[in-house]
């Protein structure tokens, strides 16, 4: 608490009794605007995050494009996994 009194006294000496309330008022307005913008931004992020969520029941549904093409077996197939690089027998670490 004493730190605040020291800061207030220094501010009063530097700025004077007329400019100190003006400065405090503008600082309060600036902080209020910052809080408002911060709240709006946080709400926007929350709205986007909620709209981007995926319903788990949609994940278990088969691929409709393959079913519509007439090949239901292809609808549940996963794409082929990438094959590993061929090993030519050489060691990749440098020899001592």
Protein backbone atom coordinates (compact mmCIF):
# COMPACT_ATOMS: atom_id res chain seq x y z
CA UNK A 1 0.00 0.00 0.00
CA UNK A 2 2.84 2.36 0.75
CA UNK A 3 4.24 1.74 -2.74
CA UNK A 4 1.05 3.12 -4.27
CA UNK A 5 1.25 6.23 -2.13
CA UNK A 6 4.87 6.82 -3.21
CA UNK A 7 3.93 6.37 -6.88
CA UNK A 8 0.97 8.74 -6.46
CA UNK A 9 3.15 11.36 -4.76
CA UNK A 10 5.79 11.18 -7.51
CA UNK A 11 3.07 11.43 -10.17
CA UNK A 12 1.58 14.42 -8.41
CA UNK A 13 4.96 16.16 -8.28
CA UNK A 14 5.82 15.41 -11.92
CA UNK A 15 2.44 15.98 -13.57
CA UNK A 16 0.81 18.45 -11.22
CA UNK A 17 -2.66 18.44 -9.67
CA UNK A 18 -4.47 19.34 -12.92
CA UNK A 19 -2.94 16.78 -15.29
CA UNK A 20 -2.92 13.79 -12.90
CA UNK A 21 -6.75 13.29 -12.90
CA UNK A 22 -6.83 13.69 -16.69
CA UNK A 23 -4.12 11.08 -17.06
CA UNK A 24 -5.90 8.69 -14.68
CA UNK A 25 -9.17 9.18 -16.57
CA UNK A 26 -7.59 8.46 -19.96
CA UNK A 27 -5.75 5.45 -18.52
CA UNK A 28 -9.06 4.09 -17.18
CA UNK A 29 -10.73 4.58 -20.56
CA UNK A 30 -7.86 2.84 -22.32
CA UNK A 31 -7.99 -0.14 -19.97
CA UNK A 32 -11.76 -0.35 -20.39
CA UNK A 33 -11.42 -0.37 -24.18
CA UNK A 34 -8.71 -3.02 -23.97
CA UNK A 35 -10.92 -5.25 -21.80
CA UNK A 36 -13.83 -4.83 -24.20
CA UNK A 37 -11.70 -5.71 -27.22
CA UNK A 38 -10.17 -8.65 -25.36
CA UNK A 39 -13.62 -9.99 -24.45
CA UNK A 40 -14.85 -9.60 -28.03
CA UNK A 41 -11.79 -11.40 -29.41
CA UNK A 42 -12.11 -14.21 -26.87
CA UNK A 43 -15.80 -14.62 -27.74
CA UNK A 44 -14.96 -14.74 -31.46
CA UNK A 45 -12.37 -17.47 -30.87
CA UNK A 46 -14.85 -19.46 -28.79
CA UNK A 47 -17.51 -19.17 -31.51
CA UNK A 48 -15.07 -20.38 -34.18
CA UNK A 49 -13.89 -23.24 -31.96
CA UNK A 50 -17.48 -24.32 -31.32
CA UNK A 51 -18.35 -24.25 -35.01
CA UNK A 52 -15.21 -26.23 -35.91
CA UNK A 53 -16.01 -29.14 -33.61
CA UNK A 54 -16.76 -32.43 -35.36
CA UNK A 55 -19.67 -34.60 -34.32
CA UNK A 56 -18.29 -38.09 -33.42
CA UNK A 57 -21.24 -39.76 -35.15
CA UNK A 58 -20.07 -38.21 -38.44
CA UNK A 59 -16.73 -40.00 -38.16
CA UNK A 60 -18.26 -43.50 -38.23
CA UNK A 61 -20.43 -42.84 -41.30
CA UNK A 62 -19.16 -44.37 -44.59
CA UNK A 63 -17.88 -42.19 -47.41
CA UNK A 64 -21.01 -41.21 -49.37
CA UNK A 65 -19.22 -40.54 -52.65
CA UNK A 66 -18.08 -44.17 -53.00
CA UNK A 67 -21.55 -45.47 -52.13
CA UNK A 68 -23.14 -43.18 -54.71
CA UNK A 69 -20.68 -44.46 -57.36
CA UNK A 70 -21.98 -47.98 -56.80
CA UNK A 71 -18.98 -49.47 -54.99
CA UNK A 72 -19.93 -49.92 -51.31
CA UNK A 73 -16.78 -51.99 -50.63
CA UNK A 74 -14.62 -49.00 -51.52
CA UNK A 75 -16.55 -46.76 -49.13
CA UNK A 76 -15.03 -48.32 -46.00
CA UNK A 77 -11.48 -48.76 -47.32
CA UNK A 78 -8.68 -46.63 -46.00
CA UNK A 79 -6.17 -45.19 -48.44
CA UNK A 80 -3.04 -47.28 -48.88
CA UNK A 81 -0.32 -46.54 -46.35
CA UNK A 82 2.89 -45.07 -47.69
CA UNK A 83 5.54 -47.71 -48.29
CA UNK A 84 8.84 -47.39 -46.43
CA UNK A 85 11.93 -46.33 -48.32
CA UNK A 86 13.88 -49.28 -49.76
CA UNK A 87 16.93 -50.33 -47.78
CA UNK A 88 19.95 -50.80 -50.05
CA UNK A 89 22.07 -52.36 -47.32
CA UNK A 90 24.22 -49.31 -46.65
CA UNK A 91 24.50 -47.95 -43.15
CA UNK A 92 23.39 -44.33 -42.90
CA UNK A 93 25.84 -43.48 -40.09
CA UNK A 94 29.35 -42.41 -41.09
CA UNK A 95 32.16 -44.87 -40.43
CA UNK A 96 34.79 -43.98 -37.83
